[in-house]
């Protein structure tokens, strides 16, 4: 589970803010921004791997969504 700071940093990074801008906006150091960002990425990567393993072990079934193309 991501912390609030990790979520904030990810959202701001996605919006295109630089590390310096994020540190000023959140009033934290640049190394802290980097730490929150890296921790979030590791957590997300671990979650992805856990889901993949659960599918392989048939603990959960793969979700399939059928998207219909809209005709114009």
C-alpha atoms as a PDB file:
ATOM      1  CA  UNK A   1       0.000   0.000   0.000  1.00  0.00           C
ATOM      2  CA  UNK A   2       1.338   3.407  -0.943  1.00  0.00           C
ATOM      3  CA  UNK A   3       1.707   6.155   1.628  1.00  0.00           C
ATOM      4  CA  UNK A   4       0.065   9.521   1.050  1.00  0.00           C
ATOM      5  CA  UNK A   5       3.447  11.130   0.284  1.00  0.00           C
ATOM      6  CA  UNK A   6       4.290   8.401  -2.227  1.00  0.00           C
ATOM      7  CA  UNK A   7       0.943   8.986  -3.946  1.00  0.00           C
ATOM      8  CA  UNK A   8       1.467  12.756  -3.975  1.00  0.00           C
ATOM      9  CA  UNK A   9       4.939  12.417  -5.464  1.00  0.00           C
ATOM     10  CA  UNK A  10       3.725   9.992  -8.162  1.00  0.00           C
ATOM     11  CA  UNK A  11       0.842  12.273  -9.108  1.00  0.00           C
ATOM     12  CA  UNK A  12       3.095  15.317  -9.357  1.00  0.00           C
ATOM     13  CA  UNK A  13       5.702  13.377 -11.378  1.00  0.00           C
ATOM     14  CA  UNK A  14       2.954  12.232 -13.754  1.00  0.00           C
ATOM     15  CA  UNK A  15       1.886  15.855 -14.160  1.00  0.00           C
ATOM     16  CA  UNK A  16       5.425  16.705 -15.242  1.00  0.00           C
ATOM     17  CA  UNK A  17       6.781  18.405 -12.135  1.00  0.00           C
ATOM     18  CA  UNK A  18      10.532  18.164 -11.607  1.00  0.00           C
ATOM     19  CA  UNK A  19      12.085  16.786  -8.437  1.00  0.00           C
ATOM     20  CA  UNK A  20      12.966  20.344  -7.345  1.00  0.00           C
ATOM     21  CA  UNK A  21       9.414  21.586  -7.985  1.00  0.00           C
ATOM     22  CA  UNK A  22       7.942  18.667  -6.054  1.00  0.00           C
ATOM     23  CA  UNK A  23      10.279  19.244  -3.122  1.00  0.00           C
ATOM     24  CA  UNK A  24       9.250  22.909  -2.946  1.00  0.00           C
ATOM     25  CA  UNK A  25       5.547  22.146  -3.346  1.00  0.00           C
ATOM     26  CA  UNK A  26       5.507  19.422  -0.676  1.00  0.00           C
ATOM     27  CA  UNK A  27       8.095  21.182   1.518  1.00  0.00           C
ATOM     28  CA  UNK A  28      10.405  18.181   1.632  1.00  0.00           C
ATOM     29  CA  UNK A  29      14.003  17.681   0.509  1.00  0.00           C
ATOM     30  CA  UNK A  30      14.920  16.514  -2.972  1.00  0.00           C
ATOM     31  CA  UNK A  31      16.398  13.274  -1.600  1.00  0.00           C
ATOM     32  CA  UNK A  32      13.071  12.674   0.175  1.00  0.00           C
ATOM     33  CA  UNK A  33      11.220  13.145  -3.133  1.00  0.00           C
ATOM     34  CA  UNK A  34      13.534  10.618  -4.735  1.00  0.00           C
ATOM     35  CA  UNK A  35      13.024   8.208  -1.846  1.00  0.00           C
ATOM     36  CA  UNK A  36       9.228   8.438  -1.960  1.00  0.00           C
ATOM     37  CA  UNK A  37       9.261   7.991  -5.730  1.00  0.00           C
ATOM     38  CA  UNK A  38      11.580   4.966  -5.651  1.00  0.00           C
ATOM     39  CA  UNK A  39       9.653   3.339  -2.785  1.00  0.00           C
ATOM     40  CA  UNK A  40       6.390   3.774  -4.689  1.00  0.00           C
ATOM     41  CA  UNK A  41       7.858   2.209  -7.822  1.00  0.00           C
ATOM     42  CA  UNK A  42       9.173  -0.784  -5.857  1.00  0.00           C
ATOM     43  CA  UNK A  43       5.800  -1.291  -4.182  1.00  0.00           C
ATOM     44  CA  UNK A  44       3.977  -1.124  -7.505  1.00  0.00           C
ATOM     45  CA  UNK A  45       6.468  -3.522  -9.083  1.00  0.00           C
ATOM     46  CA  UNK A  46       6.053  -5.956  -6.184  1.00  0.00           C
ATOM     47  CA  UNK A  47       2.257  -5.747  -6.477  1.00  0.00           C
ATOM     48  CA  UNK A  48       2.471  -6.508 -10.202  1.00  0.00           C
ATOM     49  CA  UNK A  49       4.703  -9.525  -9.554  1.00  0.00           C
ATOM     50  CA  UNK A  50       2.383 -10.779  -6.800  1.00  0.00           C
ATOM     51  CA  UNK A  51      -0.613 -10.629  -9.147  1.00  0.00           C
ATOM     52  CA  UNK A  52       1.346 -12.420 -11.882  1.00  0.00           C
ATOM     53  CA  UNK A  53       2.368 -15.193  -9.478  1.00  0.00           C
ATOM     54  CA  UNK A  54      -1.189 -15.548  -8.151  1.00  0.00           C
ATOM     55  CA  UNK A  55      -2.415 -15.993 -11.731  1.00  0.00           C
ATOM     56  CA  UNK A  56       0.273 -18.591 -12.458  1.00  0.00           C
ATOM     57  CA  UNK A  57      -0.684 -20.512  -9.319  1.00  0.00           C
ATOM     58  CA  UNK A  58      -4.331 -20.170 -10.341  1.00  0.00           C
ATOM     59  CA  UNK A  59      -5.155 -18.390  -7.112  1.00  0.00           C
ATOM     60  CA  UNK A  60      -6.883 -15.727  -9.138  1.00  0.00           C
ATOM     61  CA  UNK A  61      -8.127 -15.755 -12.699  1.00  0.00           C
ATOM     62  CA  UNK A  62      -6.943 -13.267 -15.225  1.00  0.00           C
ATOM     63  CA  UNK A  63      -9.368 -10.433 -15.650  1.00  0.00           C
ATOM     64  CA  UNK A  64     -10.600 -10.056 -19.176  1.00  0.00           C
ATOM     65  CA  UNK A  65     -12.447  -6.995 -20.354  1.00  0.00           C
ATOM     66  CA  UNK A  66     -14.053  -6.931 -23.743  1.00  0.00           C
ATOM     67  CA  UNK A  67     -14.016  -3.508 -25.288  1.00  0.00           C
ATOM     68  CA  UNK A  68     -16.325  -2.914 -28.207  1.00  0.00           C
ATOM     69  CA  UNK A  69     -15.248  -0.399 -30.771  1.00  0.00           C
ATOM     70  CA  UNK A  70     -17.745   2.330 -31.228  1.00  0.00           C
ATOM     71  CA  UNK A  71     -18.852   2.802 -34.788  1.00  0.00           C
ATOM     72  CA  UNK A  72     -19.027   6.373 -35.973  1.00  0.00           C
END
